[in-house]
């Protein structure tokens, strides 16, 4: 005898809503993404499986039915939140102190010497904002240097059109981007390399995002909390036993383990401190810059305060 529709509905209510899988959009190329894969493999205990797919916060904003979470630098999160106010930043996976590597042979020994030089970066990204903000701290304004676009390199030898190769060949005088390209550029220049870094001026805040609707769904939220808990556990390993993950990180993104080890110090894996205390003020300042470059109005501070949702992390820490 087949059960009635009413009985099936009652059973569904008693058992709770079923979530097929927790779908996470993230770039699968960079070091920053790897704790997610490690967390899923070793710690995640949600009611449904978690899967990673190529994408980012733009995927979540433009196609919220296709993914449940997304990971990206804060720059892309801010750009999307401007037009999608239902997005929520729920966790910071890692903070990365970006660096600039320059060629001493171009007459560069201080940051101010980059005035009038050709600097490689990617406009419209966290690296582009980093270059503008960091150089401004040395009195070098936008327009007082030439921005040159190029590609990153994950493993030597770096091919034509990549920033390390462009630096070594003299096409650019310096570049600033996420790792490991800067490390590879410095290794190519050897004694002619000069490296600049100041994480107090700018650091990438690589974050996890969801939407207000998804966080209101009890079954979905339970899995999201489980994933954030797993990320905390992964961060503990990344912080305290990094030598155990160098090889897996290298394999995941196509790097040499020795280079992973060399750039590890530039990555601050968040763990229980998953949302920095200064994040709101940090994002207010950055959004003012992005508003100018994107030709829009800045997002009000009170709206950005709603963008940051600490409740998921709080639940994960309690569970």
C-alpha atoms as a PDB file:
ATOM      1  CA  UNK A   1       0.000   0.000   0.000  1.00  0.00           C
ATOM      2  CA  UNK A   2       1.406   3.423  -1.016  1.00  0.00           C
ATOM      3  CA  UNK A   3       1.383   6.056   1.778  1.00  0.00           C
ATOM      4  CA  UNK A   4      -0.849   9.049   1.328  1.00  0.00           C
ATOM      5  CA  UNK A   5       0.551  12.424   0.310  1.00  0.00           C
ATOM      6  CA  UNK A   6      -0.326  13.752   3.771  1.00  0.00           C
ATOM      7  CA  UNK A   7       1.708  11.009   5.455  1.00  0.00           C
ATOM      8  CA  UNK A   8       4.690  11.645   3.180  1.00  0.00           C
ATOM      9  CA  UNK A   9       4.528  15.346   3.971  1.00  0.00           C
ATOM     10  CA  UNK A  10       4.335  14.649   7.705  1.00  0.00           C
ATOM     11  CA  UNK A  11       7.309  12.316   7.503  1.00  0.00           C
ATOM     12  CA  UNK A  12       9.319  14.979   5.690  1.00  0.00           C
ATOM     13  CA  UNK A  13       8.531  17.501   8.399  1.00  0.00           C
ATOM     14  CA  UNK A  14       9.524  15.082  11.137  1.00  0.00           C
ATOM     15  CA  UNK A  15      12.781  14.139   9.457  1.00  0.00           C
ATOM     16  CA  UNK A  16      13.638  17.717   8.486  1.00  0.00           C
ATOM     17  CA  UNK A  17      14.324  19.183   5.092  1.00  0.00           C
ATOM     18  CA  UNK A  18      16.888  17.347   2.994  1.00  0.00           C
ATOM     19  CA  UNK A  19      19.807  19.260   1.480  1.00  0.00           C
ATOM     20  CA  UNK A  20      21.288  17.461  -1.529  1.00  0.00           C
ATOM     21  CA  UNK A  21      24.807  18.772  -1.033  1.00  0.00           C
ATOM     22  CA  UNK A  22      26.641  21.831   0.194  1.00  0.00           C
ATOM     23  CA  UNK A  23      27.967  23.402  -2.993  1.00  0.00           C
ATOM     24  CA  UNK A  24      30.911  25.782  -2.649  1.00  0.00           C
ATOM     25  CA  UNK A  25      32.216  28.007  -5.456  1.00  0.00           C
ATOM     26  CA  UNK A  26      35.891  28.873  -5.153  1.00  0.00           C
ATOM     27  CA  UNK A  27      38.926  29.430  -7.330  1.00  0.00           C
ATOM     28  CA  UNK A  28      40.805  26.137  -7.447  1.00  0.00           C
ATOM     29  CA  UNK A  29      44.145  27.738  -8.372  1.00  0.00           C
ATOM     30  CA  UNK A  30      45.434  29.560  -5.304  1.00  0.00           C
ATOM     31  CA  UNK A  31      46.908  28.596  -1.929  1.00  0.00           C
ATOM     32  CA  UNK A  32      44.054  30.398  -0.151  1.00  0.00           C
ATOM     33  CA  UNK A  33      41.447  27.892  -1.306  1.00  0.00           C
ATOM     34  CA  UNK A  34      43.188  24.756  -0.017  1.00  0.00           C
ATOM     35  CA  UNK A  35      41.872  24.719   3.600  1.00  0.00           C
ATOM     36  CA  UNK A  36      38.408  24.153   2.154  1.00  0.00           C
ATOM     37  CA  UNK A  37      39.446  20.930   0.429  1.00  0.00           C
ATOM     38  CA  UNK A  38      41.393  19.847   3.513  1.00  0.00           C
ATOM     39  CA  UNK A  39      38.404  20.565   5.766  1.00  0.00           C
ATOM     40  CA  UNK A  40      36.039  18.556   3.578  1.00  0.00           C
ATOM     41  CA  UNK A  41      38.387  15.585   3.409  1.00  0.00           C
ATOM     42  CA  UNK A  42      39.348  15.454   7.075  1.00  0.00           C
ATOM     43  CA  UNK A  43      36.798  17.214   9.293  1.00  0.00           C
ATOM     44  CA  UNK A  44      33.456  18.056   7.688  1.00  0.00           C
ATOM     45  CA  UNK A  45      30.518  16.182   9.281  1.00  0.00           C
ATOM     46  CA  UNK A  46      27.437  17.799   7.781  1.00  0.00           C
ATOM     47  CA  UNK A  47      24.221  15.961   7.005  1.00  0.00           C
ATOM     48  CA  UNK A  48      24.984  16.179   3.284  1.00  0.00           C
ATOM     49  CA  UNK A  49      28.270  16.026   1.361  1.00  0.00           C
ATOM     50  CA  UNK A  50      30.193  19.210   0.597  1.00  0.00           C
ATOM     51  CA  UNK A  51      31.626  19.787  -2.874  1.00  0.00           C
ATOM     52  CA  UNK A  52      33.927  22.404  -4.378  1.00  0.00           C
ATOM     53  CA  UNK A  53      33.514  23.857  -7.840  1.00  0.00           C
ATOM     54  CA  UNK A  54      35.313  26.540  -9.795  1.00  0.00           C
ATOM     55  CA  UNK A  55      33.839  29.994  -9.233  1.00  0.00           C
ATOM     56  CA  UNK A  56      33.568  32.612  -6.532  1.00  0.00           C
ATOM     57  CA  UNK A  57      31.320  35.174  -4.918  1.00  0.00           C
ATOM     58  CA  UNK A  58      30.158  36.351  -8.343  1.00  0.00           C
ATOM     59  CA  UNK A  59      28.742  32.848  -8.874  1.00  0.00           C
ATOM     60  CA  UNK A  60      26.838  33.078  -5.609  1.00  0.00           C
ATOM     61  CA  UNK A  61      25.524  36.554  -6.430  1.00  0.00           C
ATOM     62  CA  UNK A  62      24.466  35.845 -10.010  1.00  0.00           C
ATOM     63  CA  UNK A  63      23.307  32.256  -9.587  1.00  0.00           C
ATOM     64  CA  UNK A  64      22.388  31.646  -5.928  1.00  0.00           C
ATOM     65  CA  UNK A  65      20.482  28.449  -6.753  1.00  0.00           C
ATOM     66  CA  UNK A  66      23.629  26.840  -8.160  1.00  0.00           C
ATOM     67  CA  UNK A  67      25.853  27.264  -5.082  1.00  0.00           C
ATOM     68  CA  UNK A  68      25.413  27.733  -1.348  1.00  0.00           C
ATOM     69  CA  UNK A  69      28.772  29.194  -0.354  1.00  0.00           C
ATOM     70  CA  UNK A  70      31.569  31.012  -2.126  1.00  0.00           C
ATOM     71  CA  UNK A  71      35.138  31.990  -1.291  1.00  0.00           C
ATOM     72  CA  UNK A  72      36.938  35.082  -2.568  1.00  0.00           C
ATOM     73  CA  UNK A  73      39.072  37.996  -1.474  1.00  0.00           C
ATOM     74  CA  UNK A  74      37.216  40.846   0.210  1.00  0.00           C
ATOM     75  CA  UNK A  75      37.626  42.990  -2.911  1.00  0.00           C
ATOM     76  CA  UNK A  76      35.341  40.759  -4.958  1.00  0.00           C
ATOM     77  CA  UNK A  77      32.962  40.423  -2.020  1.00  0.00           C
ATOM     78  CA  UNK A  78      32.592  44.196  -1.793  1.00  0.00           C
ATOM     79  CA  UNK A  79      32.134  44.590  -5.546  1.00  0.00           C
ATOM     80  CA  UNK A  80      29.297  42.055  -5.516  1.00  0.00           C
ATOM     81  CA  UNK A  81      27.661  43.301  -2.311  1.00  0.00           C
ATOM     82  CA  UNK A  82      27.194  46.728  -3.858  1.00  0.00           C
ATOM     83  CA  UNK A  83      24.436  45.258  -6.054  1.00  0.00           C
ATOM     84  CA  UNK A  84      23.491  42.134  -4.065  1.00  0.00           C
ATOM     85  CA  UNK A  85      22.730  43.225  -0.529  1.00  0.00           C
ATOM     86  CA  UNK A  86      21.589  39.736   0.513  1.00  0.00           C
ATOM     87  CA  UNK A  87      25.190  38.473   0.466  1.00  0.00           C
ATOM     88  CA  UNK A  88      26.805  37.753   3.818  1.00  0.00           C
ATOM     89  CA  UNK A  89      30.470  37.413   4.746  1.00  0.00           C
ATOM     90  CA  UNK A  90      30.447  34.679   7.383  1.00  0.00           C
ATOM     91  CA  UNK A  91      34.082  33.711   7.907  1.00  0.00           C
ATOM     92  CA  UNK A  92      37.621  34.792   7.059  1.00  0.00           C
ATOM     93  CA  UNK A  93      39.657  31.817   5.886  1.00  0.00           C
ATOM     94  CA  UNK A  94      43.036  33.538   5.667  1.00  0.00           C
ATOM     95  CA  UNK A  95      44.628  36.977   5.674  1.00  0.00           C
ATOM     96  CA  UNK A  96      47.561  37.357   3.289  1.00  0.00           C
ATOM     97  CA  UNK A  97      50.174  40.073   3.433  1.00  0.00           C
ATOM     98  CA  UNK A  98      50.820  40.839  -0.234  1.00  0.00           C
ATOM     99  CA  UNK A  99      54.292  41.826  -1.375  1.00  0.00           C
ATOM    100  CA  UNK A 100      55.931  43.832  -4.154  1.00  0.00           C
ATOM    101  CA  UNK A 101      59.144  42.567  -5.713  1.00  0.00           C
ATOM    102  CA  UNK A 102      61.228  45.111  -7.621  1.00  0.00           C
ATOM    103  CA  UNK A 103      64.442  45.101  -9.630  1.00  0.00           C
ATOM    104  CA  UNK A 104      67.336  47.007  -8.036  1.00  0.00           C
ATOM    105  CA  UNK A 105      68.790  47.359 -11.527  1.00  0.00           C
ATOM    106  CA  UNK A 106      65.873  49.720 -12.285  1.00  0.00           C
ATOM    107  CA  UNK A 107      67.134  52.095  -9.598  1.00  0.00           C
ATOM    108  CA  UNK A 108      64.696  50.894  -6.938  1.00  0.00           C
ATOM    109  CA  UNK A 109      65.751  50.640  -3.307  1.00  0.00           C
ATOM    110  CA  UNK A 110      62.744  52.235  -1.568  1.00  0.00           C
ATOM    111  CA  UNK A 111      59.003  52.113  -2.163  1.00  0.00           C
ATOM    112  CA  UNK A 112      59.028  55.759  -3.265  1.00  0.00           C
ATOM    113  CA  UNK A 113      61.406  54.815  -6.071  1.00  0.00           C
ATOM    114  CA  UNK A 114      58.469  53.122  -7.823  1.00  0.00           C
ATOM    115  CA  UNK A 115      57.293  56.550  -8.978  1.00  0.00           C
ATOM    116  CA  UNK A 116      57.503  56.630 -12.763  1.00  0.00           C
ATOM    117  CA  UNK A 117      58.105  52.876 -13.002  1.00  0.00           C
ATOM    118  CA  UNK A 118      56.247  50.073 -14.782  1.00  0.00           C
ATOM    119  CA  UNK A 119      54.435  47.966 -12.207  1.00  0.00           C
ATOM    120  CA  UNK A 120      52.746  44.665 -12.928  1.00  0.00           C
ATOM    121  CA  UNK A 121      49.438  43.810 -11.255  1.00  0.00           C
ATOM    122  CA  UNK A 122      45.822  42.904 -12.026  1.00  0.00           C
ATOM    123  CA  UNK A 123      43.500  45.950 -11.985  1.00  0.00           C
ATOM    124  CA  UNK A 124      40.101  45.368 -10.399  1.00  0.00           C
ATOM    125  CA  UNK A 125      41.429  42.733  -8.008  1.00  0.00           C
ATOM    126  CA  UNK A 126      42.730  42.702  -4.446  1.00  0.00           C
ATOM    127  CA  UNK A 127      46.241  43.022  -5.920  1.00  0.00           C
ATOM    128  CA  UNK A 128      45.279  46.129  -7.872  1.00  0.00           C
ATOM    129  CA  UNK A 129      43.916  47.765  -4.717  1.00  0.00           C
ATOM    130  CA  UNK A 130      47.028  46.688  -2.804  1.00  0.00           C
ATOM    131  CA  UNK A 131      49.327  48.424  -5.277  1.00  0.00           C
ATOM    132  CA  UNK A 132      47.338  51.661  -5.172  1.00  0.00           C
ATOM    133  CA  UNK A 133      47.082  51.745  -1.380  1.00  0.00           C
ATOM    134  CA  UNK A 134      50.643  50.667  -0.653  1.00  0.00           C
ATOM    135  CA  UNK A 135      52.243  53.117  -3.061  1.00  0.00           C
ATOM    136  CA  UNK A 136      50.033  55.922  -1.778  1.00  0.00           C
ATOM    137  CA  UNK A 137      51.517  55.281   1.686  1.00  0.00           C
ATOM    138  CA  UNK A 138      54.886  56.263   0.193  1.00  0.00           C
ATOM    139  CA  UNK A 139      53.478  59.353  -1.502  1.00  0.00           C
ATOM    140  CA  UNK A 140      53.261  57.769  -4.951  1.00  0.00           C
ATOM    141  CA  UNK A 141      49.844  58.535  -6.424  1.00  0.00           C
ATOM    142  CA  UNK A 142      47.904  56.660  -9.073  1.00  0.00           C
ATOM    143  CA  UNK A 143      48.918  57.994 -12.456  1.00  0.00           C
ATOM    144  CA  UNK A 144      52.509  58.491 -11.280  1.00  0.00           C
ATOM    145  CA  UNK A 145      53.392  54.954 -12.371  1.00  0.00           C
ATOM    146  CA  UNK A 146      52.320  52.700 -15.236  1.00  0.00           C
ATOM    147  CA  UNK A 147      50.205  49.635 -14.469  1.00  0.00           C
ATOM    148  CA  UNK A 148      51.063  46.658 -16.667  1.00  0.00           C
ATOM    149  CA  UNK A 149      48.806  43.598 -16.824  1.00  0.00           C
ATOM    150  CA  UNK A 150      50.159  40.075 -16.949  1.00  0.00           C
ATOM    151  CA  UNK A 151      49.712  36.542 -15.662  1.00  0.00           C
ATOM    152  CA  UNK A 152      50.708  34.772 -12.492  1.00  0.00           C
ATOM    153  CA  UNK A 153      53.118  31.867 -12.339  1.00  0.00           C
ATOM    154  CA  UNK A 154      52.734  28.973  -9.924  1.00  0.00           C
ATOM    155  CA  UNK A 155      55.897  27.003 -10.645  1.00  0.00           C
ATOM    156  CA  UNK A 156      59.272  27.659 -12.281  1.00  0.00           C
ATOM    157  CA  UNK A 157      60.141  27.994 -15.077  1.00  0.00           C
ATOM    158  CA  UNK A 158      57.715  30.893 -15.591  1.00  0.00           C
ATOM    159  CA  UNK A 159      56.601  31.391 -19.183  1.00  0.00           C
ATOM    160  CA  UNK A 160      56.245  34.455 -21.377  1.00  0.00           C
ATOM    161  CA  UNK A 161      53.641  36.930 -20.203  1.00  0.00           C
ATOM    162  CA  UNK A 162      53.927  35.959 -16.538  1.00  0.00           C
ATOM    163  CA  UNK A 163      54.955  38.605 -14.038  1.00  0.00           C
ATOM    164  CA  UNK A 164      58.188  36.875 -12.918  1.00  0.00           C
ATOM    165  CA  UNK A 165      59.355  36.480 -16.519  1.00  0.00           C
ATOM    166  CA  UNK A 166      58.365  40.070 -17.374  1.00  0.00           C
ATOM    167  CA  UNK A 167      60.349  41.326 -14.377  1.00  0.00           C
ATOM    168  CA  UNK A 168      63.429  39.276 -15.221  1.00  0.00           C
ATOM    169  CA  UNK A 169      63.340  40.385 -18.864  1.00  0.00           C
ATOM    170  CA  UNK A 170      62.985  44.075 -18.005  1.00  0.00           C
ATOM    171  CA  UNK A 171      59.453  44.557 -19.371  1.00  0.00           C
ATOM    172  CA  UNK A 172      58.386  45.729 -15.923  1.00  0.00           C
ATOM    173  CA  UNK A 173      60.333  47.183 -13.004  1.00  0.00           C
ATOM    174  CA  UNK A 174      58.265  45.619 -10.229  1.00  0.00           C
ATOM    175  CA  UNK A 175      55.048  43.730  -9.592  1.00  0.00           C
ATOM    176  CA  UNK A 176      52.650  42.987  -6.766  1.00  0.00           C
ATOM    177  CA  UNK A 177      50.265  40.044  -6.735  1.00  0.00           C
ATOM    178  CA  UNK A 178      49.321  37.034  -4.604  1.00  0.00           C
ATOM    179  CA  UNK A 179      51.820  34.250  -3.987  1.00  0.00           C
ATOM    180  CA  UNK A 180      53.760  32.367  -5.188  1.00  0.00           C
ATOM    181  CA  UNK A 181      54.450  34.678  -8.159  1.00  0.00           C
ATOM    182  CA  UNK A 182      56.277  37.256  -6.017  1.00  0.00           C
ATOM    183  CA  UNK A 183      58.480  34.568  -4.492  1.00  0.00           C
ATOM    184  CA  UNK A 184      59.283  33.181  -7.936  1.00  0.00           C
ATOM    185  CA  UNK A 185      60.073  36.677  -9.199  1.00  0.00           C
ATOM    186  CA  UNK A 186      62.454  37.270  -6.304  1.00  0.00           C
ATOM    187  CA  UNK A 187      64.156  33.937  -6.945  1.00  0.00           C
ATOM    188  CA  UNK A 188      64.684  34.863 -10.603  1.00  0.00           C
ATOM    189  CA  UNK A 189      66.279  38.222  -9.763  1.00  0.00           C
ATOM    190  CA  UNK A 190      68.392  36.775  -6.934  1.00  0.00           C
ATOM    191  CA  UNK A 191      70.601  39.567  -5.482  1.00  0.00           C
ATOM    192  CA  UNK A 192      68.858  42.202  -7.605  1.00  0.00           C
ATOM    193  CA  UNK A 193      65.520  41.568  -5.890  1.00  0.00           C
ATOM    194  CA  UNK A 194      64.124  44.057  -3.378  1.00  0.00           C
ATOM    195  CA  UNK A 195      60.875  43.081  -1.649  1.00  0.00           C
ATOM    196  CA  UNK A 196      58.389  45.444   0.011  1.00  0.00           C
ATOM    197  CA  UNK A 197      55.657  44.368   2.420  1.00  0.00           C
ATOM    198  CA  UNK A 198      53.526  46.025   5.095  1.00  0.00           C
ATOM    199  CA  UNK A 199      50.482  43.999   6.117  1.00  0.00           C
ATOM    200  CA  UNK A 200      49.331  46.823   8.414  1.00  0.00           C
ATOM    201  CA  UNK A 201      48.620  48.913   5.298  1.00  0.00           C
ATOM    202  CA  UNK A 202      46.925  46.155   3.320  1.00  0.00           C
ATOM    203  CA  UNK A 203      46.343  42.434   3.554  1.00  0.00           C
ATOM    204  CA  UNK A 204      44.034  40.273   1.476  1.00  0.00           C
ATOM    205  CA  UNK A 205      41.052  39.085   3.525  1.00  0.00           C
ATOM    206  CA  UNK A 206      40.089  35.851   1.789  1.00  0.00           C
ATOM    207  CA  UNK A 207      36.574  35.127   3.014  1.00  0.00           C
ATOM    208  CA  UNK A 208      33.646  32.731   2.908  1.00  0.00           C
ATOM    209  CA  UNK A 209      30.258  34.061   1.769  1.00  0.00           C
ATOM    210  CA  UNK A 210      26.655  32.900   1.734  1.00  0.00           C
ATOM    211  CA  UNK A 211      23.267  34.604   1.394  1.00  0.00           C
ATOM    212  CA  UNK A 212      20.690  35.735   3.900  1.00  0.00           C
ATOM    213  CA  UNK A 213      18.105  33.278   2.547  1.00  0.00           C
ATOM    214  CA  UNK A 214      20.430  30.298   2.804  1.00  0.00           C
ATOM    215  CA  UNK A 215      21.380  31.183   6.359  1.00  0.00           C
ATOM    216  CA  UNK A 216      17.677  31.296   7.287  1.00  0.00           C
ATOM    217  CA  UNK A 217      17.126  27.730   6.022  1.00  0.00           C
ATOM    218  CA  UNK A 218      17.607  25.448   9.085  1.00  0.00           C
ATOM    219  CA  UNK A 219      18.878  22.407   7.167  1.00  0.00           C
ATOM    220  CA  UNK A 220      21.218  24.485   5.015  1.00  0.00           C
ATOM    221  CA  UNK A 221      22.483  26.501   7.973  1.00  0.00           C
ATOM    222  CA  UNK A 222      23.290  23.311   9.881  1.00  0.00           C
ATOM    223  CA  UNK A 223      25.582  22.185   7.074  1.00  0.00           C
ATOM    224  CA  UNK A 224      27.129  25.637   6.712  1.00  0.00           C
ATOM    225  CA  UNK A 225      27.920  25.705  10.443  1.00  0.00           C
ATOM    226  CA  UNK A 226      29.445  22.227  10.131  1.00  0.00           C
ATOM    227  CA  UNK A 227      31.630  23.438   7.270  1.00  0.00           C
ATOM    228  CA  UNK A 228      32.833  26.499   9.201  1.00  0.00           C
ATOM    229  CA  UNK A 229      33.630  24.234  12.148  1.00  0.00           C
ATOM    230  CA  UNK A 230      35.649  22.011   9.797  1.00  0.00           C
ATOM    231  CA  UNK A 231      37.478  25.080   8.451  1.00  0.00           C
ATOM    232  CA  UNK A 232      38.435  25.993  12.008  1.00  0.00           C
ATOM    233  CA  UNK A 233      39.874  22.515  12.476  1.00  0.00           C
ATOM    234  CA  UNK A 234      41.752  22.764   9.182  1.00  0.00           C
ATOM    235  CA  UNK A 235      43.130  26.160  10.201  1.00  0.00           C
ATOM    236  CA  UNK A 236      44.459  24.624  13.398  1.00  0.00           C
ATOM    237  CA  UNK A 237      46.517  22.194  11.321  1.00  0.00           C
ATOM    238  CA  UNK A 238      47.617  24.933   8.905  1.00  0.00           C
ATOM    239  CA  UNK A 239      48.741  27.114  11.811  1.00  0.00           C
ATOM    240  CA  UNK A 240      50.350  24.532  14.077  1.00  0.00           C
ATOM    241  CA  UNK A 241      51.470  21.678  11.822  1.00  0.00           C
ATOM    242  CA  UNK A 242      52.115  23.362   8.452  1.00  0.00           C
ATOM    243  CA  UNK A 243      54.832  20.917   7.464  1.00  0.00           C
ATOM    244  CA  UNK A 244      52.155  18.200   7.272  1.00  0.00           C
ATOM    245  CA  UNK A 245      50.254  20.026   4.507  1.00  0.00           C
ATOM    246  CA  UNK A 246      53.002  21.553   2.350  1.00  0.00           C
ATOM    247  CA  UNK A 247      52.941  18.614  -0.042  1.00  0.00           C
ATOM    248  CA  UNK A 248      49.147  18.446  -0.345  1.00  0.00           C
ATOM    249  CA  UNK A 249      48.903  22.216  -0.890  1.00  0.00           C
ATOM    250  CA  UNK A 250      51.650  22.065  -3.500  1.00  0.00           C
ATOM    251  CA  UNK A 251      49.907  19.231  -5.334  1.00  0.00           C
ATOM    252  CA  UNK A 252      46.540  20.999  -5.217  1.00  0.00           C
ATOM    253  CA  UNK A 253      47.738  24.209  -6.888  1.00  0.00           C
ATOM    254  CA  UNK A 254      50.737  23.039  -8.920  1.00  0.00           C
ATOM    255  CA  UNK A 255      53.580  24.398  -6.801  1.00  0.00           C
ATOM    256  CA  UNK A 256      56.877  23.105  -5.450  1.00  0.00           C
ATOM    257  CA  UNK A 257      56.605  22.194  -1.736  1.00  0.00           C
ATOM    258  CA  UNK A 258      59.726  24.268  -0.984  1.00  0.00           C
ATOM    259  CA  UNK A 259      58.039  27.366  -2.434  1.00  0.00           C
ATOM    260  CA  UNK A 260      54.888  26.657  -0.401  1.00  0.00           C
ATOM    261  CA  UNK A 261      57.046  26.582   2.728  1.00  0.00           C
ATOM    262  CA  UNK A 262      58.798  29.814   1.717  1.00  0.00           C
ATOM    263  CA  UNK A 263      55.565  31.817   1.391  1.00  0.00           C
ATOM    264  CA  UNK A 264      53.688  30.234   4.310  1.00  0.00           C
ATOM    265  CA  UNK A 265      54.704  33.016   6.697  1.00  0.00           C
ATOM    266  CA  UNK A 266      52.769  35.517   4.586  1.00  0.00           C
ATOM    267  CA  UNK A 267      49.507  33.637   5.263  1.00  0.00           C
ATOM    268  CA  UNK A 268      47.624  34.072   8.548  1.00  0.00           C
ATOM    269  CA  UNK A 269      45.130  31.215   8.807  1.00  0.00           C
ATOM    270  CA  UNK A 270      42.189  32.436  10.822  1.00  0.00           C
ATOM    271  CA  UNK A 271      40.847  29.642  12.998  1.00  0.00           C
ATOM    272  CA  UNK A 272      38.625  30.687  15.937  1.00  0.00           C
ATOM    273  CA  UNK A 273      39.532  34.338  15.322  1.00  0.00           C
ATOM    274  CA  UNK A 274      37.717  33.950  12.004  1.00  0.00           C
ATOM    275  CA  UNK A 275      36.482  37.549  11.706  1.00  0.00           C
ATOM    276  CA  UNK A 276      39.015  40.326  12.483  1.00  0.00           C
ATOM    277  CA  UNK A 277      37.885  43.094  14.819  1.00  0.00           C
ATOM    278  CA  UNK A 278      38.895  45.798  12.361  1.00  0.00           C
ATOM    279  CA  UNK A 279      37.131  44.211   9.389  1.00  0.00           C
ATOM    280  CA  UNK A 280      34.268  46.714   9.160  1.00  0.00           C
ATOM    281  CA  UNK A 281      36.499  49.811   9.119  1.00  0.00           C
ATOM    282  CA  UNK A 282      38.898  48.039   6.747  1.00  0.00           C
ATOM    283  CA  UNK A 283      36.063  47.325   4.309  1.00  0.00           C
ATOM    284  CA  UNK A 284      34.540  50.800   4.584  1.00  0.00           C
ATOM    285  CA  UNK A 285      37.842  52.309   3.444  1.00  0.00           C
ATOM    286  CA  UNK A 286      38.314  49.806   0.634  1.00  0.00           C
ATOM    287  CA  UNK A 287      34.751  50.222  -0.623  1.00  0.00           C
ATOM    288  CA  UNK A 288      35.294  53.956  -0.988  1.00  0.00           C
ATOM    289  CA  UNK A 289      38.167  53.201  -3.370  1.00  0.00           C
ATOM    290  CA  UNK A 290      36.156  50.571  -5.266  1.00  0.00           C
ATOM    291  CA  UNK A 291      33.206  52.941  -5.563  1.00  0.00           C
ATOM    292  CA  UNK A 292      35.432  55.430  -7.378  1.00  0.00           C
ATOM    293  CA  UNK A 293      36.905  52.843  -9.740  1.00  0.00           C
ATOM    294  CA  UNK A 294      33.508  51.197 -10.372  1.00  0.00           C
ATOM    295  CA  UNK A 295      31.785  54.583 -10.733  1.00  0.00           C
ATOM    296  CA  UNK A 296      29.137  54.009  -8.102  1.00  0.00           C
ATOM    297  CA  UNK A 297      28.204  55.349  -4.690  1.00  0.00           C
ATOM    298  CA  UNK A 298      29.988  53.857  -1.663  1.00  0.00           C
ATOM    299  CA  UNK A 299      27.986  51.364   0.378  1.00  0.00           C
ATOM    300  CA  UNK A 300      26.941  52.992   3.681  1.00  0.00           C
ATOM    301  CA  UNK A 301      28.779  51.768   6.759  1.00  0.00           C
ATOM    302  CA  UNK A 302      25.555  50.500   8.349  1.00  0.00           C
ATOM    303  CA  UNK A 303      24.910  48.322   5.285  1.00  0.00           C
ATOM    304  CA  UNK A 304      28.453  46.937   5.385  1.00  0.00           C
ATOM    305  CA  UNK A 305      27.899  46.119   9.046  1.00  0.00           C
ATOM    306  CA  UNK A 306      25.015  43.843   7.964  1.00  0.00           C
ATOM    307  CA  UNK A 307      27.240  42.329   5.272  1.00  0.00           C
ATOM    308  CA  UNK A 308      29.445  40.871   8.034  1.00  0.00           C
ATOM    309  CA  UNK A 309      27.560  38.078   9.828  1.00  0.00           C
ATOM    310  CA  UNK A 310      29.417  36.613  12.822  1.00  0.00           C
ATOM    311  CA  UNK A 311      26.578  34.342  13.948  1.00  0.00           C
ATOM    312  CA  UNK A 312      27.657  31.284  11.934  1.00  0.00           C
ATOM    313  CA  UNK A 313      31.144  31.332  13.425  1.00  0.00           C
ATOM    314  CA  UNK A 314      29.653  31.737  16.907  1.00  0.00           C
ATOM    315  CA  UNK A 315      27.513  28.618  16.366  1.00  0.00           C
ATOM    316  CA  UNK A 316      30.468  26.678  14.999  1.00  0.00           C
ATOM    317  CA  UNK A 317      32.546  27.501  18.054  1.00  0.00           C
ATOM    318  CA  UNK A 318      29.743  26.365  20.378  1.00  0.00           C
ATOM    319  CA  UNK A 319      29.075  23.084  18.586  1.00  0.00           C
END
